[in-house]
Amino acid sequence: MTTPVNVIYCPVISPSANSTTSSPSADATIKVRMAGSEDFFEVELADIGDTYTSLVNCFADELDVKTETISKIRKLPNILIRKDRDVKRIKSGSEFEVEFTATENS
C-alpha cells in the first residue's frame, strides 16, 4: 500500500539544454489580476519587457485599461513593484495584482 503524496507546484526558470540565448522559454508565464478579483490572466514572460514602464504597458493591455489608471503593481503576497530592477527579478509563475487610481465617477 502506498501513501498519497501532496505535490506542490513551484515553477522555476531554468536554462534549457538546447537553448542558445538567456531569454525565458516560450511557455514561461506570469499571472496578473485586478485588485479585488479572484481571476488571473496569464501573460507571457517575454512580453513584459525589462522596465517598469513596459510592465505597466503590458498589464494595461492585458487587463484592457489605460496605463495612467494603474496606481500599484504588487507581486503577491506583499511585494510592491516600483523600479526596473524589480521587473528584472520577475520569475515564471509569479502572481501579480494591479491596483487602480480612484475614478472621477466613483
PDB file of N, CA and C in Angstrom:
ATOM      1  N   MET A   1       0.837  -1.182   0.000  1.00  0.00           N
ATOM      2  CA  MET A   1       0.000   0.000   0.000  1.00  0.00           C
ATOM      3  C   MET A   1       0.881   1.244   0.000  1.00  0.00           C
ATOM      4  N   THR A   2       0.576   2.171  -0.893  1.00  0.00           N
ATOM      5  CA  THR A   2       1.377   3.390  -0.969  1.00  0.00           C
ATOM      6  C   THR A   2       0.671   4.534  -0.274  1.00  0.00           C
ATOM      7  N   THR A   3       1.460   5.439   0.243  1.00  0.00           N
ATOM      8  CA  THR A   3       0.932   6.613   0.924  1.00  0.00           C
ATOM      9  C   THR A   3       0.753   7.732  -0.090  1.00  0.00           C
ATOM     10  N   PRO A   4      -0.417   8.423  -0.104  1.00  0.00           N
ATOM     11  CA  PRO A   4      -0.603   9.521  -1.042  1.00  0.00           C
ATOM     12  C   PRO A   4       0.407  10.637  -0.772  1.00  0.00           C
ATOM     13  N   VAL A   5       0.833  11.275  -1.829  1.00  0.00           N
ATOM     14  CA  VAL A   5       1.818  12.350  -1.723  1.00  0.00           C
ATOM     15  C   VAL A   5       1.184  13.646  -2.205  1.00  0.00           C
ATOM     16  N   ASN A   6       1.334  14.703  -1.436  1.00  0.00           N
ATOM     17  CA  ASN A   6       0.883  16.025  -1.863  1.00  0.00           C
ATOM     18  C   ASN A   6       1.979  16.662  -2.692  1.00  0.00           C
ATOM     19  N   VAL A   7       1.626  17.124  -3.859  1.00  0.00           N
ATOM     20  CA  VAL A   7       2.595  17.752  -4.739  1.00  0.00           C
ATOM     21  C   VAL A   7       2.347  19.250  -4.734  1.00  0.00           C
ATOM     22  N   ILE A   8       3.403  20.023  -4.535  1.00  0.00           N
ATOM     23  CA  ILE A   8       3.319  21.479  -4.559  1.00  0.00           C
ATOM     24  C   ILE A   8       4.028  21.954  -5.815  1.00  0.00           C
ATOM     25  N   TYR A   9       3.343  22.745  -6.615  1.00  0.00           N
ATOM     26  CA  TYR A   9       3.889  23.252  -7.864  1.00  0.00           C
ATOM     27  C   TYR A   9       4.687  24.521  -7.592  1.00  0.00           C
ATOM     28  N   CYS A  10       5.977  24.477  -7.854  1.00  0.00           N
ATOM     29  CA  CYS A  10       6.853  25.639  -7.686  1.00  0.00           C
ATOM     30  C   CYS A  10       7.639  25.829  -8.973  1.00  0.00           C
ATOM     31  N   PRO A  11       7.116  26.627  -9.914  1.00  0.00           N
ATOM     32  CA  PRO A  11       7.804  26.793 -11.185  1.00  0.00           C
ATOM     33  C   PRO A  11       9.121  27.546 -11.024  1.00  0.00           C
ATOM     34  N   VAL A  12      10.114  27.121 -11.784  1.00  0.00           N
ATOM     35  CA  VAL A  12      11.419  27.762 -11.767  1.00  0.00           C
ATOM     36  C   VAL A  12      11.892  27.871 -13.204  1.00  0.00           C
ATOM     37  N   ILE A  13      12.438  29.012 -13.555  1.00  0.00           N
ATOM     38  CA  ILE A  13      13.017  29.155 -14.889  1.00  0.00           C
ATOM     39  C   ILE A  13      14.416  28.561 -14.840  1.00  0.00           C
ATOM     40  N   SER A  14      14.646  27.587 -15.691  1.00  0.00           N
ATOM     41  CA  SER A  14      15.983  27.031 -15.794  1.00  0.00           C
ATOM     42  C   SER A  14      16.366  27.014 -17.256  1.00  0.00           C
ATOM     43  N   PRO A  15      17.637  27.286 -17.556  1.00  0.00           N
ATOM     44  CA  PRO A  15      18.040  27.302 -18.957  1.00  0.00           C
ATOM     45  C   PRO A  15      17.895  25.924 -19.572  1.00  0.00           C
ATOM     46  N   SER A  16      17.354  25.885 -20.744  1.00  0.00           N
ATOM     47  CA  SER A  16      17.187  24.637 -21.469  1.00  0.00           C
ATOM     48  C   SER A  16      18.543  24.148 -21.974  1.00  0.00           C
ATOM     49  N   ALA A  17      18.690  22.853 -22.068  1.00  0.00           N
ATOM     50  CA  ALA A  17      19.957  22.284 -22.525  1.00  0.00           C
ATOM     51  C   ALA A  17      20.266  22.681 -23.963  1.00  0.00           C
ATOM     52  N   ASN A  18      19.223  22.888 -24.785  1.00  0.00           N
ATOM     53  CA  ASN A  18      19.450  23.246 -26.175  1.00  0.00           C
ATOM     54  C   ASN A  18      19.223  24.720 -26.435  1.00  0.00           C
ATOM     55  N   SER A  19      19.104  25.534 -25.396  1.00  0.00           N
ATOM     56  CA  SER A  19      18.885  26.965 -25.557  1.00  0.00           C
ATOM     57  C   SER A  19      20.208  27.677 -25.797  1.00  0.00           C
ATOM     58  N   THR A  20      20.216  28.600 -26.767  1.00  0.00           N
ATOM     59  CA  THR A  20      21.433  29.343 -27.060  1.00  0.00           C
ATOM     60  C   THR A  20      21.365  30.768 -26.557  1.00  0.00           C
ATOM     61  N   THR A  21      20.212  31.178 -26.027  1.00  0.00           N
ATOM     62  CA  THR A  21      20.081  32.529 -25.502  1.00  0.00           C
ATOM     63  C   THR A  21      19.659  32.472 -24.048  1.00  0.00           C
ATOM     64  N   SER A  22      19.729  33.615 -23.368  1.00  0.00           N
ATOM     65  CA  SER A  22      19.338  33.652 -21.966  1.00  0.00           C
ATOM     66  C   SER A  22      17.896  34.087 -21.788  1.00  0.00           C
ATOM     67  N   SER A  23      17.142  34.218 -22.894  1.00  0.00           N
ATOM     68  CA  SER A  23      15.751  34.642 -22.783  1.00  0.00           C
ATOM     69  C   SER A  23      14.906  33.520 -22.214  1.00  0.00           C
ATOM     70  N   PRO A  24      13.787  33.885 -21.534  1.00  0.00           N
ATOM     71  CA  PRO A  24      12.935  32.861 -20.957  1.00  0.00           C
ATOM     72  C   PRO A  24      12.310  31.976 -22.024  1.00  0.00           C
ATOM     73  N   SER A  25      11.929  30.761 -21.645  1.00  0.00           N
ATOM     74  CA  SER A  25      11.322  29.848 -22.600  1.00  0.00           C
ATOM     75  C   SER A  25       9.984  30.396 -23.070  1.00  0.00           C
ATOM     76  N   ALA A  26       9.524  29.892 -24.202  1.00  0.00           N
ATOM     77  CA  ALA A  26       8.293  30.403 -24.808  1.00  0.00           C
ATOM     78  C   ALA A  26       7.075  30.176 -23.924  1.00  0.00           C
ATOM     79  N   ASP A  27       7.111  29.156 -23.072  1.00  0.00           N
ATOM     80  CA  ASP A  27       5.952  28.877 -22.241  1.00  0.00           C
ATOM     81  C   ASP A  27       6.067  29.469 -20.835  1.00  0.00           C
ATOM     82  N   ALA A  28       7.093  30.280 -20.572  1.00  0.00           N
ATOM     83  CA  ALA A  28       7.239  30.918 -19.270  1.00  0.00           C
ATOM     84  C   ALA A  28       6.173  32.004 -19.136  1.00  0.00           C
ATOM     85  N   THR A  29       5.336  31.888 -18.094  1.00  0.00           N
ATOM     86  CA  THR A  29       4.237  32.833 -17.926  1.00  0.00           C
ATOM     87  C   THR A  29       4.187  33.350 -16.498  1.00  0.00           C
ATOM     88  N   ILE A  30       3.535  34.502 -16.355  1.00  0.00           N
ATOM     89  CA  ILE A  30       3.201  35.043 -15.055  1.00  0.00           C
ATOM     90  C   ILE A  30       1.690  35.238 -15.045  1.00  0.00           C
ATOM     91  N   LYS A  31       1.132  35.466 -13.862  1.00  0.00           N
ATOM     92  CA  LYS A  31      -0.309  35.674 -13.754  1.00  0.00           C
ATOM     93  C   LYS A  31      -0.572  37.058 -13.190  1.00  0.00           C
ATOM     94  N   VAL A  32      -1.595  37.727 -13.734  1.00  0.00           N
ATOM     95  CA  VAL A  32      -1.957  39.069 -13.279  1.00  0.00           C
ATOM     96  C   VAL A  32      -3.464  39.149 -13.096  1.00  0.00           C
ATOM     97  N   ARG A  33      -3.887  39.896 -12.070  1.00  0.00           N
ATOM     98  CA  ARG A  33      -5.310  40.104 -11.842  1.00  0.00           C
ATOM     99  C   ARG A  33      -5.531  41.523 -11.332  1.00  0.00           C
ATOM    100  N   MET A  34      -6.775  41.981 -11.460  1.00  0.00           N
ATOM    101  CA  MET A  34      -7.165  43.268 -10.900  1.00  0.00           C
ATOM    102  C   MET A  34      -7.390  43.085  -9.407  1.00  0.00           C
ATOM    103  N   ALA A  35      -7.046  44.105  -8.619  1.00  0.00           N
ATOM    104  CA  ALA A  35      -7.270  44.040  -7.180  1.00  0.00           C
ATOM    105  C   ALA A  35      -8.744  43.770  -6.913  1.00  0.00           C
ATOM    106  N   GLY A  36      -9.021  42.857  -6.003  1.00  0.00           N
ATOM    107  CA  GLY A  36     -10.397  42.513  -5.659  1.00  0.00           C
ATOM    108  C   GLY A  36     -10.983  41.400  -6.501  1.00  0.00           C
ATOM    109  N   SER A  37     -10.296  40.992  -7.555  1.00  0.00           N
ATOM    110  CA  SER A  37     -10.789  39.928  -8.424  1.00  0.00           C
ATOM    111  C   SER A  37     -10.152  38.604  -8.010  1.00  0.00           C
ATOM    112  N   GLU A  38     -10.838  37.516  -8.255  1.00  0.00           N
ATOM    113  CA  GLU A  38     -10.276  36.197  -7.987  1.00  0.00           C
ATOM    114  C   GLU A  38      -9.619  35.610  -9.234  1.00  0.00           C
ATOM    115  N   ASP A  39      -9.934  36.164 -10.403  1.00  0.00           N
ATOM    116  CA  ASP A  39      -9.493  35.587 -11.663  1.00  0.00           C
ATOM    117  C   ASP A  39      -8.176  36.198 -12.134  1.00  0.00           C
ATOM    118  N   PHE A  40      -7.277  35.327 -12.571  1.00  0.00           N
ATOM    119  CA  PHE A  40      -5.990  35.750 -13.117  1.00  0.00           C
ATOM    120  C   PHE A  40      -5.993  35.634 -14.636  1.00  0.00           C
ATOM    121  N   PHE A  41      -5.158  36.449 -15.275  1.00  0.00           N
ATOM    122  CA  PHE A  41      -4.853  36.337 -16.703  1.00  0.00           C
ATOM    123  C   PHE A  41      -3.407  35.889 -16.800  1.00  0.00           C
ATOM    124  N   GLU A  42      -3.116  34.982 -17.717  1.00  0.00           N
ATOM    125  CA  GLU A  42      -1.729  34.584 -17.935  1.00  0.00           C
ATOM    126  C   GLU A  42      -1.097  35.503 -18.966  1.00  0.00           C
ATOM    127  N   VAL A  43       0.147  35.879 -18.714  1.00  0.00           N
ATOM    128  CA  VAL A  43       0.901  36.756 -19.603  1.00  0.00           C
ATOM    129  C   VAL A  43       2.238  36.085 -19.874  1.00  0.00           C
ATOM    130  N   GLU A  44       2.641  36.066 -21.130  1.00  0.00           N
ATOM    131  CA  GLU A  44       3.942  35.509 -21.479  1.00  0.00           C
ATOM    132  C   GLU A  44       5.033  36.361 -20.836  1.00  0.00           C
ATOM    133  N   LEU A  45       5.966  35.727 -20.182  1.00  0.00           N
ATOM    134  CA  LEU A  45       7.043  36.435 -19.514  1.00  0.00           C
ATOM    135  C   LEU A  45       7.857  37.268 -20.502  1.00  0.00           C
ATOM    136  N   ALA A  46       8.021  36.785 -21.714  1.00  0.00           N
ATOM    137  CA  ALA A  46       8.782  37.511 -22.728  1.00  0.00           C
ATOM    138  C   ALA A  46       8.095  38.816 -23.128  1.00  0.00           C
ATOM    139  N   ASP A  47       6.766  38.927 -22.941  1.00  0.00           N
ATOM    140  CA  ASP A  47       6.011  40.109 -23.352  1.00  0.00           C
ATOM    141  C   ASP A  47       6.143  41.290 -22.399  1.00  0.00           C
ATOM    142  N   ILE A  48       6.628  41.064 -21.176  1.00  0.00           N
ATOM    143  CA  ILE A  48       6.620  42.155 -20.198  1.00  0.00           C
ATOM    144  C   ILE A  48       7.801  43.096 -20.311  1.00  0.00           C
ATOM    145  N   GLY A  49       8.821  42.728 -21.058  1.00  0.00           N
ATOM    146  CA  GLY A  49       9.986  43.592 -21.188  1.00  0.00           C
ATOM    147  C   GLY A  49      10.816  43.585 -19.918  1.00  0.00           C
ATOM    148  N   ASP A  50      11.720  44.559 -19.807  1.00  0.00           N
ATOM    149  CA  ASP A  50      12.596  44.575 -18.636  1.00  0.00           C
ATOM    150  C   ASP A  50      12.590  45.919 -17.914  1.00  0.00           C
ATOM    151  N   THR A  51      11.568  46.736 -18.188  1.00  0.00           N
ATOM    152  CA  THR A  51      11.440  48.011 -17.485  1.00  0.00           C
ATOM    153  C   THR A  51      10.070  48.094 -16.809  1.00  0.00           C
ATOM    154  N   TYR A  52       9.989  48.950 -15.816  1.00  0.00           N
ATOM    155  CA  TYR A  52       8.719  49.143 -15.120  1.00  0.00           C
ATOM    156  C   TYR A  52       7.656  49.657 -16.090  1.00  0.00           C
ATOM    157  N   THR A  53       8.043  50.588 -16.956  1.00  0.00           N
ATOM    158  CA  THR A  53       7.097  51.147 -17.929  1.00  0.00           C
ATOM    159  C   THR A  53       6.559  50.067 -18.863  1.00  0.00           C
ATOM    160  N   SER A  54       7.419  49.172 -19.321  1.00  0.00           N
ATOM    161  CA  SER A  54       6.957  48.099 -20.210  1.00  0.00           C
ATOM    162  C   SER A  54       6.026  47.136 -19.459  1.00  0.00           C
ATOM    163  N   LEU A  55       6.288  46.913 -18.180  1.00  0.00           N
ATOM    164  CA  LEU A  55       5.409  46.065 -17.368  1.00  0.00           C
ATOM    165  C   LEU A  55       4.026  46.699 -17.232  1.00  0.00           C
ATOM    166  N   VAL A  56       3.981  47.994 -16.930  1.00  0.00           N
ATOM    167  CA  VAL A  56       2.704  48.714 -16.817  1.00  0.00           C
ATOM    168  C   VAL A  56       1.954  48.651 -18.142  1.00  0.00           C
ATOM    169  N   ASN A  57       2.643  48.889 -19.248  1.00  0.00           N
ATOM    170  CA  ASN A  57       2.007  48.848 -20.566  1.00  0.00           C
ATOM    171  C   ASN A  57       1.459  47.459 -20.876  1.00  0.00           C
ATOM    172  N   CYS A  58       2.223  46.429 -20.569  1.00  0.00           N
ATOM    173  CA  CYS A  58       1.785  45.056 -20.822  1.00  0.00           C
ATOM    174  C   CYS A  58       0.553  44.712 -19.987  1.00  0.00           C
ATOM    175  N   PHE A  59       0.586  45.039 -18.698  1.00  0.00           N
ATOM    176  CA  PHE A  59      -0.550  44.748 -17.833  1.00  0.00           C
ATOM    177  C   PHE A  59      -1.781  45.547 -18.244  1.00  0.00           C
ATOM    178  N   ALA A  60      -1.596  46.808 -18.633  1.00  0.00           N
ATOM    179  CA  ALA A  60      -2.728  47.625 -19.080  1.00  0.00           C
ATOM    180  C   ALA A  60      -3.366  47.017 -20.329  1.00  0.00           C
ATOM    181  N   ASP A  61      -2.538  46.580 -21.268  1.00  0.00           N
ATOM    182  CA  ASP A  61      -3.063  45.928 -22.477  1.00  0.00           C
ATOM    183  C   ASP A  61      -3.812  44.651 -22.121  1.00  0.00           C
ATOM    184  N   GLU A  62      -3.230  43.837 -21.266  1.00  0.00           N
ATOM    185  CA  GLU A  62      -3.834  42.552 -20.909  1.00  0.00           C
ATOM    186  C   GLU A  62      -5.151  42.739 -20.156  1.00  0.00           C
ATOM    187  N   LEU A  63      -5.218  43.744 -19.281  1.00  0.00           N
ATOM    188  CA  LEU A  63      -6.415  43.981 -18.479  1.00  0.00           C
ATOM    189  C   LEU A  63      -7.396  44.933 -19.156  1.00  0.00           C
ATOM    190  N   ASP A  64      -7.015  45.455 -20.323  1.00  0.00           N
ATOM    191  CA  ASP A  64      -7.847  46.367 -21.102  1.00  0.00           C
ATOM    192  C   ASP A  64      -8.210  47.634 -20.306  1.00  0.00           C
ATOM    193  N   VAL A  65      -7.158  48.266 -19.753  1.00  0.00           N
ATOM    194  CA  VAL A  65      -7.320  49.520 -19.020  1.00  0.00           C
ATOM    195  C   VAL A  65      -6.284  50.521 -19.532  1.00  0.00           C
ATOM    196  N   LYS A  66      -6.446  51.783 -19.177  1.00  0.00           N
ATOM    197  CA  LYS A  66      -5.461  52.800 -19.535  1.00  0.00           C
ATOM    198  C   LYS A  66      -4.283  52.738 -18.568  1.00  0.00           C
ATOM    199  N   THR A  67      -3.096  52.951 -19.086  1.00  0.00           N
ATOM    200  CA  THR A  67      -1.895  52.866 -18.250  1.00  0.00           C
ATOM    201  C   THR A  67      -1.921  53.867 -17.103  1.00  0.00           C
ATOM    202  N   GLU A  68      -2.481  55.046 -17.333  1.00  0.00           N
ATOM    203  CA  GLU A  68      -2.483  56.073 -16.284  1.00  0.00           C
ATOM    204  C   GLU A  68      -3.411  55.739 -15.118  1.00  0.00           C
ATOM    205  N   THR A  69      -4.262  54.721 -15.272  1.00  0.00           N
ATOM    206  CA  THR A  69      -5.150  54.342 -14.164  1.00  0.00           C
ATOM    207  C   THR A  69      -4.486  53.355 -13.201  1.00  0.00           C
ATOM    208  N   ILE A  70      -3.342  52.786 -13.589  1.00  0.00           N
ATOM    209  CA  ILE A  70      -2.645  51.837 -12.721  1.00  0.00           C
ATOM    210  C   ILE A  70      -1.875  52.611 -11.657  1.00  0.00           C
ATOM    211  N   SER A  71      -2.193  52.345 -10.378  1.00  0.00           N
ATOM    212  CA  SER A  71      -1.506  53.051  -9.296  1.00  0.00           C
ATOM    213  C   SER A  71      -0.453  52.191  -8.611  1.00  0.00           C
ATOM    214  N   LYS A  72      -0.673  50.874  -8.517  1.00  0.00           N
ATOM    215  CA  LYS A  72       0.280  49.979  -7.864  1.00  0.00           C
ATOM    216  C   LYS A  72       0.284  48.628  -8.553  1.00  0.00           C
ATOM    217  N   ILE A  73       1.467  48.019  -8.581  1.00  0.00           N
ATOM    218  CA  ILE A  73       1.603  46.631  -9.010  1.00  0.00           C
ATOM    219  C   ILE A  73       2.242  45.887  -7.856  1.00  0.00           C
ATOM    220  N   ARG A  74       1.576  44.853  -7.419  1.00  0.00           N
ATOM    221  CA  ARG A  74       2.035  44.084  -6.271  1.00  0.00           C
ATOM    222  C   ARG A  74       2.300  42.651  -6.705  1.00  0.00           C
ATOM    223  N   LYS A  75       3.503  42.163  -6.398  1.00  0.00           N
ATOM    224  CA  LYS A  75       3.791  40.741  -6.571  1.00  0.00           C
ATOM    225  C   LYS A  75       3.257  40.066  -5.319  1.00  0.00           C
ATOM    226  N   LEU A  76       2.319  39.155  -5.503  1.00  0.00           N
ATOM    227  CA  LEU A  76       1.670  38.529  -4.362  1.00  0.00           C
ATOM    228  C   LEU A  76       2.636  37.630  -3.604  1.00  0.00           C
ATOM    229  N   PRO A  77       2.582  37.632  -2.278  1.00  0.00           N
ATOM    230  CA  PRO A  77       1.509  38.205  -1.488  1.00  0.00           C
ATOM    231  C   PRO A  77       1.681  39.680  -1.114  1.00  0.00           C
ATOM    232  N   ASN A  78       2.916  40.222  -1.056  1.00  0.00           N
ATOM    233  CA  ASN A  78       3.038  41.564  -0.499  1.00  0.00           C
ATOM    234  C   ASN A  78       4.280  42.341  -0.944  1.00  0.00           C
ATOM    235  N   ILE A  79       4.735  42.159  -2.166  1.00  0.00           N
ATOM    236  CA  ILE A  79       5.918  42.862  -2.660  1.00  0.00           C
ATOM    237  C   ILE A  79       5.475  43.930  -3.660  1.00  0.00           C
ATOM    238  N   LEU A  80       5.795  45.183  -3.373  1.00  0.00           N
ATOM    239  CA  LEU A  80       5.444  46.284  -4.268  1.00  0.00           C
ATOM    240  C   LEU A  80       6.488  46.383  -5.372  1.00  0.00           C
ATOM    241  N   ILE A  81       6.032  46.382  -6.621  1.00  0.00           N
ATOM    242  CA  ILE A  81       6.925  46.524  -7.777  1.00  0.00           C
ATOM    243  C   ILE A  81       6.948  48.001  -8.147  1.00  0.00           C
ATOM    244  N   ARG A  82       8.147  48.616  -8.161  1.00  0.00           N
ATOM    245  CA  ARG A  82       8.208  50.048  -8.438  1.00  0.00           C
ATOM    246  C   ARG A  82       9.392  50.489  -9.275  1.00  0.00           C
ATOM    247  N   LYS A  83      10.340  49.613  -9.559  1.00  0.00           N
ATOM    248  CA  LYS A  83      11.545  50.002 -10.293  1.00  0.00           C
ATOM    249  C   LYS A  83      11.871  48.971 -11.370  1.00  0.00           C
ATOM    250  N   ASP A  84      12.691  49.397 -12.329  1.00  0.00           N
ATOM    251  CA  ASP A  84      13.167  48.487 -13.366  1.00  0.00           C
ATOM    252  C   ASP A  84      13.868  47.281 -12.744  1.00  0.00           C
ATOM    253  N   ARG A  85      14.599  47.517 -11.702  1.00  0.00           N
ATOM    254  CA  ARG A  85      15.338  46.452 -11.011  1.00  0.00           C
ATOM    255  C   ARG A  85      14.375  45.372 -10.494  1.00  0.00           C
ATOM    256  N   ASP A  86      13.200  45.788 -10.012  1.00  0.00           N
ATOM    257  CA  ASP A  86      12.191  44.828  -9.535  1.00  0.00           C
ATOM    258  C   ASP A  86      11.667  43.974 -10.685  1.00  0.00           C
ATOM    259  N   VAL A  87      11.475  44.591 -11.839  1.00  0.00           N
ATOM    260  CA  VAL A  87      10.948  43.887 -13.012  1.00  0.00           C
ATOM    261  C   VAL A  87      11.932  42.833 -13.492  1.00  0.00           C
ATOM    262  N   LYS A  88      13.216  43.133 -13.436  1.00  0.00           N
ATOM    263  CA  LYS A  88      14.232  42.191 -13.905  1.00  0.00           C
ATOM    264  C   LYS A  88      14.304  40.939 -13.044  1.00  0.00           C
ATOM    265  N   ARG A  89      13.777  40.975 -11.826  1.00  0.00           N
ATOM    266  CA  ARG A  89      13.791  39.814 -10.925  1.00  0.00           C
ATOM    267  C   ARG A  89      12.558  38.926 -11.069  1.00  0.00           C
ATOM    268  N   ILE A  90      11.629  39.288 -11.935  1.00  0.00           N
ATOM    269  CA  ILE A  90      10.390  38.508 -12.090  1.00  0.00           C
ATOM    270  C   ILE A  90      10.702  37.134 -12.663  1.00  0.00           C
ATOM    271  N   LYS A  91      10.109  36.119 -12.062  1.00  0.00           N
ATOM    272  CA  LYS A  91      10.292  34.728 -12.482  1.00  0.00           C
ATOM    273  C   LYS A  91       8.971  34.150 -12.986  1.00  0.00           C
ATOM    274  N   SER A  92       9.071  33.130 -13.790  1.00  0.00           N
ATOM    275  CA  SER A  92       7.888  32.436 -14.291  1.00  0.00           C
ATOM    276  C   SER A  92       7.072  31.903 -13.124  1.00  0.00           C
ATOM    277  N   GLY A  93       5.756  31.995 -13.242  1.00  0.00           N
ATOM    278  CA  GLY A  93       4.865  31.508 -12.210  1.00  0.00           C
ATOM    279  C   GLY A  93       4.500  32.550 -11.169  1.00  0.00           C
ATOM    280  N   SER A  94       5.135  33.715 -11.216  1.00  0.00           N
ATOM    281  CA  SER A  94       4.825  34.771 -10.251  1.00  0.00           C
ATOM    282  C   SER A  94       3.398  35.264 -10.467  1.00  0.00           C
ATOM    283  N   GLU A  95       2.776  35.704  -9.377  1.00  0.00           N
ATOM    284  CA  GLU A  95       1.414  36.232  -9.431  1.00  0.00           C
ATOM    285  C   GLU A  95       1.428  37.704  -9.034  1.00  0.00           C
ATOM    286  N   PHE A  96       0.672  38.518  -9.797  1.00  0.00           N
ATOM    287  CA  PHE A  96       0.639  39.956  -9.586  1.00  0.00           C
ATOM    288  C   PHE A  96      -0.788  40.448  -9.452  1.00  0.00           C
ATOM    289  N   GLU A  97      -0.930  41.521  -8.684  1.00  0.00           N
ATOM    290  CA  GLU A  97      -2.213  42.180  -8.511  1.00  0.00           C
ATOM    291  C   GLU A  97      -2.018  43.648  -8.855  1.00  0.00           C
ATOM    292  N   VAL A  98      -2.948  44.206  -9.629  1.00  0.00           N
ATOM    293  CA  VAL A  98      -2.864  45.591 -10.067  1.00  0.00           C
ATOM    294  C   VAL A  98      -3.951  46.401  -9.379  1.00  0.00           C
ATOM    295  N   GLU A  99      -3.538  47.504  -8.743  1.00  0.00           N
ATOM    296  CA  GLU A  99      -4.489  48.428  -8.124  1.00  0.00           C
ATOM    297  C   GLU A  99      -4.619  49.655  -9.022  1.00  0.00           C
ATOM    298  N   PHE A 100      -5.773  50.296  -8.932  1.00  0.00           N
ATOM    299  CA  PHE A 100      -6.070  51.421  -9.806  1.00  0.00           C
ATOM    300  C   PHE A 100      -6.349  52.682  -9.003  1.00  0.00           C
ATOM    301  N   THR A 101      -6.149  53.831  -9.658  1.00  0.00           N
ATOM    302  CA  THR A 101      -6.490  55.097  -9.037  1.00  0.00           C
ATOM    303  C   THR A 101      -8.007  55.225  -8.985  1.00  0.00           C
ATOM    304  N   ALA A 102      -8.510  56.025  -8.050  1.00  0.00           N
ATOM    305  CA  ALA A 102      -9.947  56.257  -7.965  1.00  0.00           C
ATOM    306  C   ALA A 102     -10.397  56.990  -9.221  1.00  0.00           C
ATOM    307  N   THR A 103     -11.514  56.587  -9.767  1.00  0.00           N
ATOM    308  CA  THR A 103     -12.036  57.250 -10.964  1.00  0.00           C
ATOM    309  C   THR A 103     -12.895  58.422 -10.568  1.00  0.00           C
ATOM    310  N   GLU A 104     -13.109  59.323 -11.506  1.00  0.00           N
ATOM    311  CA  GLU A 104     -13.918  60.512 -11.243  1.00  0.00           C
ATOM    312  C   GLU A 104     -15.370  60.147 -10.978  1.00  0.00           C
ATOM    313  N   ASN A 105     -15.823  58.998 -11.486  1.00  0.00           N
ATOM    314  CA  ASN A 105     -17.224  58.602 -11.362  1.00  0.00           C
ATOM    315  C   ASN A 105     -17.541  57.882 -10.057  1.00  0.00           C
ATOM    316  N   SER A 106     -16.514  57.545  -9.247  1.00  0.00           N
ATOM    317  CA  SER A 106     -16.800  56.766  -8.031  1.00  0.00           C
ATOM    318  C   SER A 106     -16.992  57.627  -6.813  1.00  0.00           C
TER     319      SER A 106
END
